[in-house]
Amino acid sequence: MKLFLAAAIAAVVFASPTLAQDKPTVSGYLAQGFQVIHSDFGNPFLQFMLKKDNQLVWCSVELRSGETQSCRTIK
């Protein structure tokens, strides 16, 4: 399970499209120092809970394309 999760995270980070630079992405948050504190998958999305300091962000990524569909700040 951990190996699958690591592979899924790597796919998301390296498959992020370069055209959507203005849209928040999981790879963008990871580059800013956020850490994945929870992940879950279900067709067709992989969902991440990211944390940095007091900030929590939830992101949804399409499994097939690796594209971040949405990210929402929780707190």
N, C-alpha and C. Protein backbone atom coordinates (compact mmCIF):
# COMPACT_ATOMS: atom_id res chain seq x y z
N MET A 1 0.82 -1.19 0.00
CA MET A 1 0.00 0.00 0.00
C MET A 1 0.87 1.26 0.00
N LYS A 2 1.93 1.27 0.82
CA LYS A 2 2.81 2.44 0.86
C LYS A 2 3.52 2.64 -0.47
N LEU A 3 3.89 1.54 -1.11
CA LEU A 3 4.56 1.64 -2.40
C LEU A 3 3.61 2.21 -3.45
N PHE A 4 2.35 1.77 -3.42
CA PHE A 4 1.35 2.31 -4.34
C PHE A 4 1.17 3.80 -4.11
N LEU A 5 1.08 4.21 -2.86
CA LEU A 5 0.89 5.62 -2.52
C LEU A 5 2.08 6.44 -3.00
N ALA A 6 3.28 5.95 -2.79
CA ALA A 6 4.48 6.68 -3.24
C ALA A 6 4.49 6.81 -4.75
N ALA A 7 4.10 5.76 -5.45
CA ALA A 7 4.05 5.81 -6.91
C ALA A 7 2.97 6.79 -7.39
N ALA A 8 1.83 6.79 -6.71
CA ALA A 8 0.74 7.70 -7.08
C ALA A 8 1.16 9.15 -6.86
N ILE A 9 1.82 9.43 -5.75
CA ILE A 9 2.28 10.80 -5.47
C ILE A 9 3.31 11.22 -6.52
N ALA A 10 4.23 10.34 -6.86
CA ALA A 10 5.23 10.67 -7.87
C ALA A 10 4.57 10.94 -9.22
N ALA A 11 3.57 10.15 -9.57
CA ALA A 11 2.86 10.36 -10.83
C ALA A 11 2.17 11.71 -10.86
N VAL A 12 1.58 12.10 -9.74
CA VAL A 12 0.90 13.39 -9.66
C VAL A 12 1.90 14.53 -9.79
N VAL A 13 3.01 14.43 -9.10
CA VAL A 13 4.01 15.50 -9.11
C VAL A 13 4.61 15.67 -10.50
N PHE A 14 4.94 14.57 -11.16
CA PHE A 14 5.64 14.68 -12.44
C PHE A 14 4.71 14.77 -13.63
N ALA A 15 3.43 14.46 -13.47
CA ALA A 15 2.50 14.51 -14.60
C ALA A 15 1.66 15.77 -14.61
N SER A 16 1.91 16.68 -13.70
CA SER A 16 1.12 17.90 -13.65
C SER A 16 1.34 18.71 -14.92
N PRO A 17 0.26 19.13 -15.54
CA PRO A 17 0.39 19.88 -16.79
C PRO A 17 1.01 21.25 -16.56
N THR A 18 1.80 21.68 -17.51
CA THR A 18 2.46 22.97 -17.38
C THR A 18 1.57 24.11 -17.84
N LEU A 19 0.47 23.81 -18.51
CA LEU A 19 -0.41 24.85 -19.01
C LEU A 19 -1.22 25.53 -17.91
N ALA A 20 -1.45 24.86 -16.83
CA ALA A 20 -2.31 25.39 -15.78
C ALA A 20 -1.49 25.97 -14.63
N GLN A 21 -0.58 26.85 -14.95
CA GLN A 21 0.31 27.40 -13.93
C GLN A 21 -0.41 28.26 -12.90
N ASP A 22 -1.51 28.91 -13.28
CA ASP A 22 -2.20 29.78 -12.35
C ASP A 22 -3.15 29.03 -11.42
N LYS A 23 -3.43 27.78 -11.72
CA LYS A 23 -4.32 26.96 -10.92
C LYS A 23 -3.50 26.23 -9.85
N PRO A 24 -3.96 26.24 -8.58
CA PRO A 24 -3.22 25.51 -7.53
C PRO A 24 -3.13 24.02 -7.86
N THR A 25 -1.98 23.43 -7.62
CA THR A 25 -1.77 22.01 -7.87
C THR A 25 -1.10 21.37 -6.66
N VAL A 26 -1.22 20.05 -6.60
CA VAL A 26 -0.56 19.31 -5.52
C VAL A 26 0.95 19.52 -5.61
N SER A 27 1.50 19.45 -6.80
CA SER A 27 2.95 19.63 -6.94
C SER A 27 3.37 21.04 -6.53
N GLY A 28 2.53 22.03 -6.79
CA GLY A 28 2.82 23.39 -6.37
C GLY A 28 2.85 23.51 -4.85
N TYR A 29 1.87 22.89 -4.19
CA TYR A 29 1.86 22.92 -2.72
C TYR A 29 3.06 22.17 -2.15
N LEU A 30 3.42 21.03 -2.74
CA LEU A 30 4.58 20.28 -2.27
C LEU A 30 5.86 21.10 -2.44
N ALA A 31 5.94 21.84 -3.53
CA ALA A 31 7.11 22.69 -3.77
C ALA A 31 7.20 23.82 -2.74
N GLN A 32 6.06 24.21 -2.19
CA GLN A 32 6.03 25.26 -1.17
C GLN A 32 6.31 24.72 0.24
N GLY A 33 6.55 23.41 0.35
CA GLY A 33 6.89 22.83 1.64
C GLY A 33 5.74 22.15 2.36
N PHE A 34 4.59 22.02 1.71
CA PHE A 34 3.47 21.29 2.32
C PHE A 34 3.81 19.82 2.36
N GLN A 35 3.26 19.11 3.33
CA GLN A 35 3.46 17.67 3.47
C GLN A 35 2.12 16.97 3.32
N VAL A 36 2.14 15.79 2.73
CA VAL A 36 0.94 14.97 2.61
C VAL A 36 0.70 14.32 3.96
N ILE A 37 -0.44 14.62 4.59
CA ILE A 37 -0.75 14.02 5.88
C ILE A 37 -1.81 12.93 5.75
N HIS A 38 -2.52 12.91 4.61
CA HIS A 38 -3.52 11.87 4.37
C HIS A 38 -3.78 11.79 2.87
N SER A 39 -4.01 10.58 2.40
CA SER A 39 -4.41 10.41 1.00
C SER A 39 -5.41 9.27 0.93
N ASP A 40 -6.25 9.35 -0.07
CA ASP A 40 -7.28 8.34 -0.27
C ASP A 40 -7.54 8.27 -1.77
N PHE A 41 -7.92 7.10 -2.26
CA PHE A 41 -8.21 7.02 -3.68
C PHE A 41 -9.54 6.32 -3.90
N GLY A 42 -10.17 6.75 -4.95
CA GLY A 42 -11.42 6.18 -5.39
C GLY A 42 -11.65 6.66 -6.81
N ASN A 43 -12.15 5.79 -7.63
CA ASN A 43 -12.32 6.16 -9.04
C ASN A 43 -13.19 7.38 -9.17
N PRO A 44 -12.83 8.30 -9.97
CA PRO A 44 -11.58 8.44 -10.74
C PRO A 44 -10.59 9.40 -10.10
N PHE A 45 -10.66 9.60 -8.78
CA PHE A 45 -9.83 10.62 -8.15
C PHE A 45 -8.95 10.09 -7.02
N LEU A 46 -7.81 10.76 -6.86
CA LEU A 46 -6.93 10.56 -5.73
C LEU A 46 -7.03 11.85 -4.93
N GLN A 47 -7.26 11.74 -3.64
CA GLN A 47 -7.46 12.92 -2.80
C GLN A 47 -6.33 13.03 -1.79
N PHE A 48 -5.87 14.26 -1.61
CA PHE A 48 -4.76 14.53 -0.70
C PHE A 48 -5.16 15.57 0.33
N MET A 49 -4.72 15.37 1.56
CA MET A 49 -4.80 16.38 2.61
C MET A 49 -3.35 16.82 2.84
N LEU A 50 -3.10 18.11 2.64
CA LEU A 50 -1.76 18.67 2.75
C LEU A 50 -1.69 19.62 3.93
N LYS A 51 -0.53 19.69 4.58
CA LYS A 51 -0.39 20.56 5.75
C LYS A 51 0.96 21.25 5.74
N LYS A 52 0.91 22.53 6.12
CA LYS A 52 2.12 23.31 6.35
C LYS A 52 1.80 24.31 7.44
N ASP A 53 2.55 24.24 8.53
CA ASP A 53 2.30 25.09 9.68
C ASP A 53 0.84 24.95 10.12
N ASN A 54 0.08 26.03 10.10
CA ASN A 54 -1.34 25.98 10.51
C ASN A 54 -2.29 25.87 9.33
N GLN A 55 -1.78 25.67 8.14
CA GLN A 55 -2.62 25.61 6.95
C GLN A 55 -2.93 24.17 6.57
N LEU A 56 -4.20 23.90 6.27
CA LEU A 56 -4.63 22.61 5.75
C LEU A 56 -5.27 22.84 4.38
N VAL A 57 -4.90 21.99 3.42
CA VAL A 57 -5.44 22.09 2.07
C VAL A 57 -5.87 20.70 1.63
N TRP A 58 -7.02 20.64 0.99
CA TRP A 58 -7.53 19.38 0.43
C TRP A 58 -7.48 19.51 -1.08
N CYS A 59 -6.91 18.51 -1.76
CA CYS A 59 -6.81 18.53 -3.22
C CYS A 59 -7.33 17.22 -3.79
N SER A 60 -7.95 17.32 -4.96
CA SER A 60 -8.46 16.19 -5.69
C SER A 60 -7.74 16.12 -7.03
N VAL A 61 -7.21 14.93 -7.37
CA VAL A 61 -6.43 14.75 -8.58
C VAL A 61 -7.05 13.62 -9.40
N GLU A 62 -7.22 13.86 -10.70
CA GLU A 62 -7.76 12.83 -11.58
C GLU A 62 -6.69 11.76 -11.80
N LEU A 63 -7.04 10.51 -11.57
CA LEU A 63 -6.06 9.42 -11.67
C LEU A 63 -5.51 9.25 -13.08
N ARG A 64 -6.35 9.31 -14.09
CA ARG A 64 -5.89 9.05 -15.46
C ARG A 64 -4.92 10.10 -15.96
N SER A 65 -5.23 11.35 -15.75
CA SER A 65 -4.41 12.42 -16.31
C SER A 65 -3.34 12.92 -15.35
N GLY A 66 -3.54 12.72 -14.03
CA GLY A 66 -2.63 13.28 -13.05
C GLY A 66 -2.86 14.76 -12.82
N GLU A 67 -3.94 15.30 -13.41
CA GLU A 67 -4.23 16.73 -13.29
C GLU A 67 -4.98 17.03 -12.00
N THR A 68 -4.54 18.06 -11.31
CA THR A 68 -5.24 18.52 -10.11
C THR A 68 -6.58 19.13 -10.55
N GLN A 69 -7.66 18.59 -10.03
CA GLN A 69 -8.99 19.09 -10.36
C GLN A 69 -9.38 20.27 -9.51
N SER A 70 -9.07 20.18 -8.22
CA SER A 70 -9.39 21.29 -7.33
C SER A 70 -8.56 21.19 -6.06
N CYS A 71 -8.32 22.34 -5.46
CA CYS A 71 -7.67 22.43 -4.16
C CYS A 71 -8.45 23.45 -3.35
N ARG A 72 -8.72 23.12 -2.10
CA ARG A 72 -9.46 24.02 -1.22
C ARG A 72 -8.76 24.16 0.11
N THR A 73 -8.62 25.39 0.54
CA THR A 73 -8.04 25.64 1.85
C THR A 73 -9.09 25.33 2.90
N ILE A 74 -8.73 24.52 3.88
CA ILE A 74 -9.66 24.13 4.94
C ILE A 74 -9.49 25.04 6.13
N LYS A 75 -8.27 25.33 6.49
CA LYS A 75 -8.04 26.27 7.61
C LYS A 75 -6.68 26.88 7.49
